[in-house]
């Protein structure tokens, strides 16, 4: 007989998931959803107070699902910091099942504005940060015979618009690095790229160039909520071990 009662997550499906950039936006939504689904989420970001608040907000859901959120300070641009982040999870749980590489910045600007410091910051976070995560996690996945990389790229990996040249370049790099990782990895290691369209988040708040900020306000009129991306991540993680969801593009229905 059919029932409307929620099902209890199967403990065998629970994973140890690392999420970077978990203090806001997509990272926060991914972490919260995965805790509700019973996973142990090691949430990394520089703003540890925000992570502790997230742990408190998800505590009741964690008690029901058997999962939990574990805040850890993380600066993805620091290779040693990332190595310590992964080691924390390994020591705490004995394994690492998933790395969601979400940390990113998006100070859009025209190239002729010459905001070189902002370009450097995007390269450091969006590209080097991703590589630091791979360097810290890939040996763990290889040693334990499996794991899952999920990179949060962007629709900017697939298209360039005025003001997005550097940002799109970093996100294409993230896409290319992740695709290369997929091709090089043992079949026991799954690799997924999720490319969001415009999402309600703090990313646009870092835009300092007035023209780029105004253009983003127009785009954000139809932005989707971060949980749309969290659902995509959840879908990829929930597939059987012999199914590798390689790429998902998620955008607001009204974004063209």
C-alpha atoms as a PDB file:
ATOM      1  CA  UNK A   1       0.000   0.000   0.000  1.00  0.00           C
ATOM      2  CA  UNK A   2       1.311   3.453  -0.913  1.00  0.00           C
ATOM      3  CA  UNK A   3       2.401   5.723   1.902  1.00  0.00           C
ATOM      4  CA  UNK A   4       3.219   9.400   2.137  1.00  0.00           C
ATOM      5  CA  UNK A   5       5.592   8.897   5.032  1.00  0.00           C
ATOM      6  CA  UNK A   6       9.187   9.926   4.287  1.00  0.00           C
ATOM      7  CA  UNK A   7      11.598   7.053   3.948  1.00  0.00           C
ATOM      8  CA  UNK A   8      14.578   6.742   6.256  1.00  0.00           C
ATOM      9  CA  UNK A   9      17.862   7.055   4.367  1.00  0.00           C
ATOM     10  CA  UNK A  10      19.763   3.786   4.016  1.00  0.00           C
ATOM     11  CA  UNK A  11      22.925   4.140   6.141  1.00  0.00           C
ATOM     12  CA  UNK A  12      24.857   2.251   3.452  1.00  0.00           C
ATOM     13  CA  UNK A  13      24.234   5.198   1.118  1.00  0.00           C
ATOM     14  CA  UNK A  14      25.702   7.757   3.522  1.00  0.00           C
ATOM     15  CA  UNK A  15      28.886   9.371   2.270  1.00  0.00           C
ATOM     16  CA  UNK A  16      31.655  11.551   3.654  1.00  0.00           C
ATOM     17  CA  UNK A  17      31.432  14.661   1.499  1.00  0.00           C
ATOM     18  CA  UNK A  18      33.829  17.610   1.457  1.00  0.00           C
ATOM     19  CA  UNK A  19      32.266  20.891   0.294  1.00  0.00           C
ATOM     20  CA  UNK A  20      34.376  23.971  -0.337  1.00  0.00           C
ATOM     21  CA  UNK A  21      32.981  27.488  -0.246  1.00  0.00           C
ATOM     22  CA  UNK A  22      30.255  26.226   2.072  1.00  0.00           C
ATOM     23  CA  UNK A  23      29.612  29.461   3.981  1.00  0.00           C
ATOM     24  CA  UNK A  24      27.118  30.886   1.471  1.00  0.00           C
ATOM     25  CA  UNK A  25      25.295  30.424  -1.818  1.00  0.00           C
ATOM     26  CA  UNK A  26      25.618  27.166  -3.708  1.00  0.00           C
ATOM     27  CA  UNK A  27      28.098  25.645  -1.256  1.00  0.00           C
ATOM     28  CA  UNK A  28      25.814  26.324   1.680  1.00  0.00           C
ATOM     29  CA  UNK A  29      22.822  24.863  -0.174  1.00  0.00           C
ATOM     30  CA  UNK A  30      24.746  21.754  -1.205  1.00  0.00           C
ATOM     31  CA  UNK A  31      25.997  21.180   2.326  1.00  0.00           C
ATOM     32  CA  UNK A  32      22.537  21.620   3.861  1.00  0.00           C
ATOM     33  CA  UNK A  33      20.826  19.317   1.380  1.00  0.00           C
ATOM     34  CA  UNK A  34      23.409  16.566   1.736  1.00  0.00           C
ATOM     35  CA  UNK A  35      23.128  16.688   5.531  1.00  0.00           C
ATOM     36  CA  UNK A  36      19.361  16.279   5.194  1.00  0.00           C
ATOM     37  CA  UNK A  37      20.004  13.237   3.010  1.00  0.00           C
ATOM     38  CA  UNK A  38      22.123  11.620   5.719  1.00  0.00           C
ATOM     39  CA  UNK A  39      25.642  12.385   4.561  1.00  0.00           C
ATOM     40  CA  UNK A  40      28.496  13.575   6.749  1.00  0.00           C
ATOM     41  CA  UNK A  41      29.503  16.918   5.279  1.00  0.00           C
ATOM     42  CA  UNK A  42      32.864  18.458   6.069  1.00  0.00           C
ATOM     43  CA  UNK A  43      32.137  22.090   5.232  1.00  0.00           C
ATOM     44  CA  UNK A  44      35.097  24.286   4.378  1.00  0.00           C
ATOM     45  CA  UNK A  45      35.351  28.081   4.078  1.00  0.00           C
ATOM     46  CA  UNK A  46      37.296  30.987   5.521  1.00  0.00           C
ATOM     47  CA  UNK A  47      34.233  32.367   7.362  1.00  0.00           C
ATOM     48  CA  UNK A  48      34.040  29.811  10.132  1.00  0.00           C
ATOM     49  CA  UNK A  49      31.340  31.703  12.041  1.00  0.00           C
ATOM     50  CA  UNK A  50      29.025  31.209   9.055  1.00  0.00           C
ATOM     51  CA  UNK A  51      29.889  27.516   8.994  1.00  0.00           C
ATOM     52  CA  UNK A  52      29.063  27.140  12.678  1.00  0.00           C
ATOM     53  CA  UNK A  53      25.703  28.837  12.091  1.00  0.00           C
ATOM     54  CA  UNK A  54      25.033  26.398   9.258  1.00  0.00           C
ATOM     55  CA  UNK A  55      25.885  23.479  11.532  1.00  0.00           C
ATOM     56  CA  UNK A  56      23.375  24.769  14.075  1.00  0.00           C
ATOM     57  CA  UNK A  57      20.656  25.234  11.445  1.00  0.00           C
ATOM     58  CA  UNK A  58      21.130  21.704  10.124  1.00  0.00           C
ATOM     59  CA  UNK A  59      21.494  19.982  13.501  1.00  0.00           C
ATOM     60  CA  UNK A  60      17.857  18.870  13.709  1.00  0.00           C
ATOM     61  CA  UNK A  61      17.910  17.493  10.169  1.00  0.00           C
ATOM     62  CA  UNK A  62      21.180  15.730  10.928  1.00  0.00           C
ATOM     63  CA  UNK A  63      19.667  14.056  13.966  1.00  0.00           C
ATOM     64  CA  UNK A  64      16.838  12.703  11.833  1.00  0.00           C
ATOM     65  CA  UNK A  65      18.951  11.606   8.861  1.00  0.00           C
ATOM     66  CA  UNK A  66      22.034  10.285  10.635  1.00  0.00           C
ATOM     67  CA  UNK A  67      24.263  12.775   8.867  1.00  0.00           C
ATOM     68  CA  UNK A  68      26.040  15.837  10.188  1.00  0.00           C
ATOM     69  CA  UNK A  69      27.837  19.034   9.281  1.00  0.00           C
ATOM     70  CA  UNK A  70      31.415  19.506  10.450  1.00  0.00           C
ATOM     71  CA  UNK A  71      32.840  23.038  10.022  1.00  0.00           C
ATOM     72  CA  UNK A  72      36.514  23.393   9.112  1.00  0.00           C
ATOM     73  CA  UNK A  73      38.351  26.559   8.185  1.00  0.00           C
ATOM     74  CA  UNK A  74      39.666  26.348   4.634  1.00  0.00           C
ATOM     75  CA  UNK A  75      41.455  28.698   2.270  1.00  0.00           C
ATOM     76  CA  UNK A  76      41.495  26.868  -1.055  1.00  0.00           C
ATOM     77  CA  UNK A  77      44.353  29.045  -2.337  1.00  0.00           C
ATOM     78  CA  UNK A  78      46.630  27.551   0.332  1.00  0.00           C
ATOM     79  CA  UNK A  79      47.786  24.094  -0.737  1.00  0.00           C
ATOM     80  CA  UNK A  80      48.768  23.020   2.779  1.00  0.00           C
ATOM     81  CA  UNK A  81      45.443  24.247   4.141  1.00  0.00           C
ATOM     82  CA  UNK A  82      43.602  22.079   1.617  1.00  0.00           C
ATOM     83  CA  UNK A  83      45.734  19.063   2.493  1.00  0.00           C
ATOM     84  CA  UNK A  84      44.868  19.555   6.171  1.00  0.00           C
ATOM     85  CA  UNK A  85      41.170  19.854   5.282  1.00  0.00           C
ATOM     86  CA  UNK A  86      41.202  16.481   3.544  1.00  0.00           C
ATOM     87  CA  UNK A  87      43.293  14.917   6.306  1.00  0.00           C
ATOM     88  CA  UNK A  88      40.753  16.081   8.914  1.00  0.00           C
ATOM     89  CA  UNK A  89      37.992  14.195   7.129  1.00  0.00           C
ATOM     90  CA  UNK A  90      40.121  11.112   6.648  1.00  0.00           C
ATOM     91  CA  UNK A  91      41.139  10.980  10.308  1.00  0.00           C
ATOM     92  CA  UNK A  92      37.604  11.706  11.540  1.00  0.00           C
ATOM     93  CA  UNK A  93      35.755   9.214   9.339  1.00  0.00           C
ATOM     94  CA  UNK A  94      38.404   6.879   7.966  1.00  0.00           C
ATOM     95  CA  UNK A  95      37.588   7.731   4.361  1.00  0.00           C
ATOM     96  CA  UNK A  96      36.598  10.497   1.946  1.00  0.00           C
ATOM     97  CA  UNK A  97      33.907   9.719  -0.608  1.00  0.00           C
ATOM     98  CA  UNK A  98      33.236  13.011  -2.398  1.00  0.00           C
ATOM     99  CA  UNK A  99      34.869  16.378  -2.993  1.00  0.00           C
ATOM    100  CA  UNK A 100      32.506  19.130  -4.126  1.00  0.00           C
ATOM    101  CA  UNK A 101      34.825  21.837  -5.448  1.00  0.00           C
ATOM    102  CA  UNK A 102      32.538  24.827  -5.203  1.00  0.00           C
ATOM    103  CA  UNK A 103      34.660  27.715  -3.913  1.00  0.00           C
ATOM    104  CA  UNK A 104      34.762  30.544  -6.434  1.00  0.00           C
ATOM    105  CA  UNK A 105      34.759  34.304  -6.945  1.00  0.00           C
ATOM    106  CA  UNK A 106      33.207  36.379  -9.739  1.00  0.00           C
ATOM    107  CA  UNK A 107      34.303  40.047  -9.861  1.00  0.00           C
ATOM    108  CA  UNK A 108      33.255  40.608 -13.480  1.00  0.00           C
ATOM    109  CA  UNK A 109      34.781  43.491 -15.427  1.00  0.00           C
ATOM    110  CA  UNK A 110      35.793  44.556 -18.899  1.00  0.00           C
ATOM    111  CA  UNK A 111      39.385  43.797 -19.817  1.00  0.00           C
ATOM    112  CA  UNK A 112      40.103  47.461 -20.521  1.00  0.00           C
ATOM    113  CA  UNK A 113      39.282  48.248 -16.899  1.00  0.00           C
ATOM    114  CA  UNK A 114      42.586  46.540 -16.083  1.00  0.00           C
ATOM    115  CA  UNK A 115      41.463  45.226 -12.696  1.00  0.00           C
ATOM    116  CA  UNK A 116      44.470  42.924 -12.591  1.00  0.00           C
ATOM    117  CA  UNK A 117      44.288  42.183  -8.876  1.00  0.00           C
ATOM    118  CA  UNK A 118      40.745  40.897  -9.374  1.00  0.00           C
ATOM    119  CA  UNK A 119      41.871  38.759 -12.314  1.00  0.00           C
ATOM    120  CA  UNK A 120      44.597  37.263 -10.150  1.00  0.00           C
ATOM    121  CA  UNK A 121      42.106  36.518  -7.385  1.00  0.00           C
ATOM    122  CA  UNK A 122      39.825  34.661  -9.800  1.00  0.00           C
ATOM    123  CA  UNK A 123      42.734  32.589 -11.076  1.00  0.00           C
ATOM    124  CA  UNK A 124      43.879  31.819  -7.539  1.00  0.00           C
ATOM    125  CA  UNK A 125      40.476  30.715  -6.243  1.00  0.00           C
ATOM    126  CA  UNK A 126      38.733  29.325  -9.320  1.00  0.00           C
ATOM    127  CA  UNK A 127      41.687  27.488 -10.873  1.00  0.00           C
ATOM    128  CA  UNK A 128      44.458  26.994  -8.321  1.00  0.00           C
ATOM    129  CA  UNK A 129      41.905  26.240  -5.612  1.00  0.00           C
ATOM    130  CA  UNK A 130      40.425  23.481  -7.761  1.00  0.00           C
ATOM    131  CA  UNK A 131      43.860  22.032  -8.477  1.00  0.00           C
ATOM    132  CA  UNK A 132      44.757  22.092  -4.785  1.00  0.00           C
ATOM    133  CA  UNK A 133      41.615  20.081  -4.090  1.00  0.00           C
ATOM    134  CA  UNK A 134      42.500  17.500  -6.711  1.00  0.00           C
ATOM    135  CA  UNK A 135      46.079  17.255  -5.442  1.00  0.00           C
ATOM    136  CA  UNK A 136      44.894  16.684  -1.868  1.00  0.00           C
ATOM    137  CA  UNK A 137      42.054  14.272  -2.639  1.00  0.00           C
ATOM    138  CA  UNK A 138      43.088  12.197  -5.649  1.00  0.00           C
ATOM    139  CA  UNK A 139      45.703  10.147  -3.723  1.00  0.00           C
ATOM    140  CA  UNK A 140      43.062   9.340  -1.087  1.00  0.00           C
ATOM    141  CA  UNK A 141      40.539   8.196  -3.708  1.00  0.00           C
ATOM    142  CA  UNK A 142      43.210   6.120  -5.448  1.00  0.00           C
ATOM    143  CA  UNK A 143      44.334   4.434  -2.223  1.00  0.00           C
ATOM    144  CA  UNK A 144      40.816   3.563  -1.097  1.00  0.00           C
ATOM    145  CA  UNK A 145      39.717   2.401  -4.563  1.00  0.00           C
ATOM    146  CA  UNK A 146      37.032   4.960  -5.282  1.00  0.00           C
ATOM    147  CA  UNK A 147      35.630   8.440  -4.862  1.00  0.00           C
ATOM    148  CA  UNK A 148      33.720  11.175  -6.620  1.00  0.00           C
ATOM    149  CA  UNK A 149      34.874  14.619  -7.748  1.00  0.00           C
ATOM    150  CA  UNK A 150      32.163  17.228  -8.346  1.00  0.00           C
ATOM    151  CA  UNK A 151      33.279  20.565  -9.770  1.00  0.00           C
ATOM    152  CA  UNK A 152      30.933  23.538  -9.701  1.00  0.00           C
ATOM    153  CA  UNK A 153      31.859  25.382 -12.889  1.00  0.00           C
ATOM    154  CA  UNK A 154      29.499  27.874 -14.546  1.00  0.00           C
ATOM    155  CA  UNK A 155      27.502  28.546 -17.668  1.00  0.00           C
ATOM    156  CA  UNK A 156      30.461  30.878 -18.200  1.00  0.00           C
ATOM    157  CA  UNK A 157      32.490  27.782 -19.070  1.00  0.00           C
ATOM    158  CA  UNK A 158      30.343  27.475 -22.206  1.00  0.00           C
ATOM    159  CA  UNK A 159      29.824  31.089 -23.251  1.00  0.00           C
ATOM    160  CA  UNK A 160      31.509  34.478 -22.982  1.00  0.00           C
ATOM    161  CA  UNK A 161      29.733  37.807 -22.640  1.00  0.00           C
ATOM    162  CA  UNK A 162      31.181  41.307 -22.244  1.00  0.00           C
ATOM    163  CA  UNK A 163      32.742  41.619 -18.734  1.00  0.00           C
ATOM    164  CA  UNK A 164      33.076  37.821 -18.342  1.00  0.00           C
ATOM    165  CA  UNK A 165      36.325  37.199 -20.238  1.00  0.00           C
ATOM    166  CA  UNK A 166      38.523  36.382 -17.252  1.00  0.00           C
ATOM    167  CA  UNK A 167      35.776  34.719 -15.205  1.00  0.00           C
ATOM    168  CA  UNK A 168      34.707  32.594 -18.179  1.00  0.00           C
ATOM    169  CA  UNK A 169      38.363  31.758 -18.768  1.00  0.00           C
ATOM    170  CA  UNK A 170      38.727  30.441 -15.227  1.00  0.00           C
ATOM    171  CA  UNK A 171      35.501  28.460 -15.471  1.00  0.00           C
ATOM    172  CA  UNK A 172      36.473  26.982 -18.835  1.00  0.00           C
ATOM    173  CA  UNK A 173      39.727  26.002 -17.162  1.00  0.00           C
ATOM    174  CA  UNK A 174      37.737  24.367 -14.356  1.00  0.00           C
ATOM    175  CA  UNK A 175      35.665  22.479 -16.939  1.00  0.00           C
ATOM    176  CA  UNK A 176      38.765  21.391 -18.888  1.00  0.00           C
ATOM    177  CA  UNK A 177      40.681  20.304 -15.786  1.00  0.00           C
ATOM    178  CA  UNK A 178      37.722  18.279 -14.571  1.00  0.00           C
ATOM    179  CA  UNK A 179      37.193  16.660 -17.974  1.00  0.00           C
ATOM    180  CA  UNK A 180      40.883  15.770 -18.102  1.00  0.00           C
ATOM    181  CA  UNK A 181      40.595  14.291 -14.629  1.00  0.00           C
ATOM    182  CA  UNK A 182      37.663  12.172 -15.781  1.00  0.00           C
ATOM    183  CA  UNK A 183      39.599  10.813 -18.747  1.00  0.00           C
ATOM    184  CA  UNK A 184      42.699  10.045 -16.698  1.00  0.00           C
ATOM    185  CA  UNK A 185      40.961   8.524 -13.667  1.00  0.00           C
ATOM    186  CA  UNK A 186      40.334   4.881 -12.903  1.00  0.00           C
ATOM    187  CA  UNK A 187      36.677   3.917 -13.486  1.00  0.00           C
ATOM    188  CA  UNK A 188      36.258   3.610  -9.716  1.00  0.00           C
ATOM    189  CA  UNK A 189      36.620   7.400  -9.468  1.00  0.00           C
ATOM    190  CA  UNK A 190      33.604   9.267 -10.794  1.00  0.00           C
ATOM    191  CA  UNK A 191      33.865  12.840 -12.063  1.00  0.00           C
ATOM    192  CA  UNK A 192      31.046  15.353 -12.528  1.00  0.00           C
ATOM    193  CA  UNK A 193      30.946  18.977 -13.655  1.00  0.00           C
ATOM    194  CA  UNK A 194      27.884  21.057 -12.752  1.00  0.00           C
ATOM    195  CA  UNK A 195      27.572  24.340 -14.643  1.00  0.00           C
ATOM    196  CA  UNK A 196      25.030  26.724 -13.091  1.00  0.00           C
ATOM    197  CA  UNK A 197      23.390  29.637 -14.787  1.00  0.00           C
ATOM    198  CA  UNK A 198      22.511  32.730 -12.771  1.00  0.00           C
ATOM    199  CA  UNK A 199      21.953  31.856  -9.117  1.00  0.00           C
ATOM    200  CA  UNK A 200      20.943  33.986  -6.162  1.00  0.00           C
ATOM    201  CA  UNK A 201      24.175  34.280  -4.189  1.00  0.00           C
ATOM    202  CA  UNK A 202      26.828  36.642  -2.871  1.00  0.00           C
ATOM    203  CA  UNK A 203      29.067  36.167  -5.916  1.00  0.00           C
ATOM    204  CA  UNK A 204      27.783  39.240  -7.705  1.00  0.00           C
ATOM    205  CA  UNK A 205      28.377  41.395  -4.619  1.00  0.00           C
ATOM    206  CA  UNK A 206      32.117  41.330  -5.357  1.00  0.00           C
ATOM    207  CA  UNK A 207      31.718  43.140  -8.692  1.00  0.00           C
ATOM    208  CA  UNK A 208      33.346  46.563  -8.410  1.00  0.00           C
ATOM    209  CA  UNK A 209      32.992  47.813 -11.990  1.00  0.00           C
ATOM    210  CA  UNK A 210      29.708  49.802 -12.219  1.00  0.00           C
ATOM    211  CA  UNK A 211      28.794  48.641 -15.739  1.00  0.00           C
ATOM    212  CA  UNK A 212      29.321  44.975 -14.895  1.00  0.00           C
ATOM    213  CA  UNK A 213      27.367  45.352 -11.665  1.00  0.00           C
ATOM    214  CA  UNK A 214      24.421  46.907 -13.520  1.00  0.00           C
ATOM    215  CA  UNK A 215      24.433  44.140 -16.134  1.00  0.00           C
ATOM    216  CA  UNK A 216      24.424  41.509 -13.405  1.00  0.00           C
ATOM    217  CA  UNK A 217      21.441  43.140 -11.709  1.00  0.00           C
ATOM    218  CA  UNK A 218      19.518  42.588 -14.956  1.00  0.00           C
ATOM    219  CA  UNK A 219      20.583  38.943 -15.146  1.00  0.00           C
ATOM    220  CA  UNK A 220      19.703  38.354 -11.506  1.00  0.00           C
ATOM    221  CA  UNK A 221      16.083  39.360 -12.087  1.00  0.00           C
ATOM    222  CA  UNK A 222      15.479  35.735 -13.114  1.00  0.00           C
ATOM    223  CA  UNK A 223      18.041  34.016 -10.904  1.00  0.00           C
ATOM    224  CA  UNK A 224      17.272  30.584  -9.491  1.00  0.00           C
ATOM    225  CA  UNK A 225      17.791  29.552  -5.896  1.00  0.00           C
ATOM    226  CA  UNK A 226      21.020  27.727  -4.938  1.00  0.00           C
ATOM    227  CA  UNK A 227      19.104  24.587  -3.999  1.00  0.00           C
ATOM    228  CA  UNK A 228      18.550  23.970  -7.724  1.00  0.00           C
ATOM    229  CA  UNK A 229      22.260  23.260  -7.956  1.00  0.00           C
ATOM    230  CA  UNK A 230      22.236  21.279  -4.726  1.00  0.00           C
ATOM    231  CA  UNK A 231      19.599  18.997  -6.241  1.00  0.00           C
ATOM    232  CA  UNK A 232      21.824  18.449  -9.283  1.00  0.00           C
ATOM    233  CA  UNK A 233      24.752  17.492  -7.054  1.00  0.00           C
ATOM    234  CA  UNK A 234      22.509  15.168  -5.057  1.00  0.00           C
ATOM    235  CA  UNK A 235      21.349  13.485  -8.260  1.00  0.00           C
ATOM    236  CA  UNK A 236      24.914  12.835  -9.411  1.00  0.00           C
ATOM    237  CA  UNK A 237      25.953  11.406  -6.052  1.00  0.00           C
ATOM    238  CA  UNK A 238      22.914   9.126  -5.847  1.00  0.00           C
ATOM    239  CA  UNK A 239      23.683   7.178  -9.031  1.00  0.00           C
ATOM    240  CA  UNK A 240      24.946   3.591  -8.822  1.00  0.00           C
ATOM    241  CA  UNK A 241      28.704   3.125  -8.695  1.00  0.00           C
ATOM    242  CA  UNK A 242      28.796   2.075 -12.357  1.00  0.00           C
ATOM    243  CA  UNK A 243      27.032   5.254 -13.525  1.00  0.00           C
ATOM    244  CA  UNK A 244      29.089   8.425 -13.948  1.00  0.00           C
ATOM    245  CA  UNK A 245      27.110  11.606 -14.589  1.00  0.00           C
ATOM    246  CA  UNK A 246      29.762  13.643 -16.353  1.00  0.00           C
ATOM    247  CA  UNK A 247      28.120  17.016 -16.864  1.00  0.00           C
ATOM    248  CA  UNK A 248      24.969  18.876 -15.845  1.00  0.00           C
ATOM    249  CA  UNK A 249      24.048  22.381 -17.039  1.00  0.00           C
ATOM    250  CA  UNK A 250      21.369  24.034 -14.906  1.00  0.00           C
ATOM    251  CA  UNK A 251      20.010  27.474 -15.713  1.00  0.00           C
ATOM    252  CA  UNK A 252      16.877  29.501 -14.988  1.00  0.00           C
ATOM    253  CA  UNK A 253      14.146  28.695 -17.529  1.00  0.00           C
ATOM    254  CA  UNK A 254      14.169  32.328 -18.653  1.00  0.00           C
ATOM    255  CA  UNK A 255      17.938  32.575 -19.094  1.00  0.00           C
ATOM    256  CA  UNK A 256      19.026  32.255 -22.722  1.00  0.00           C
END
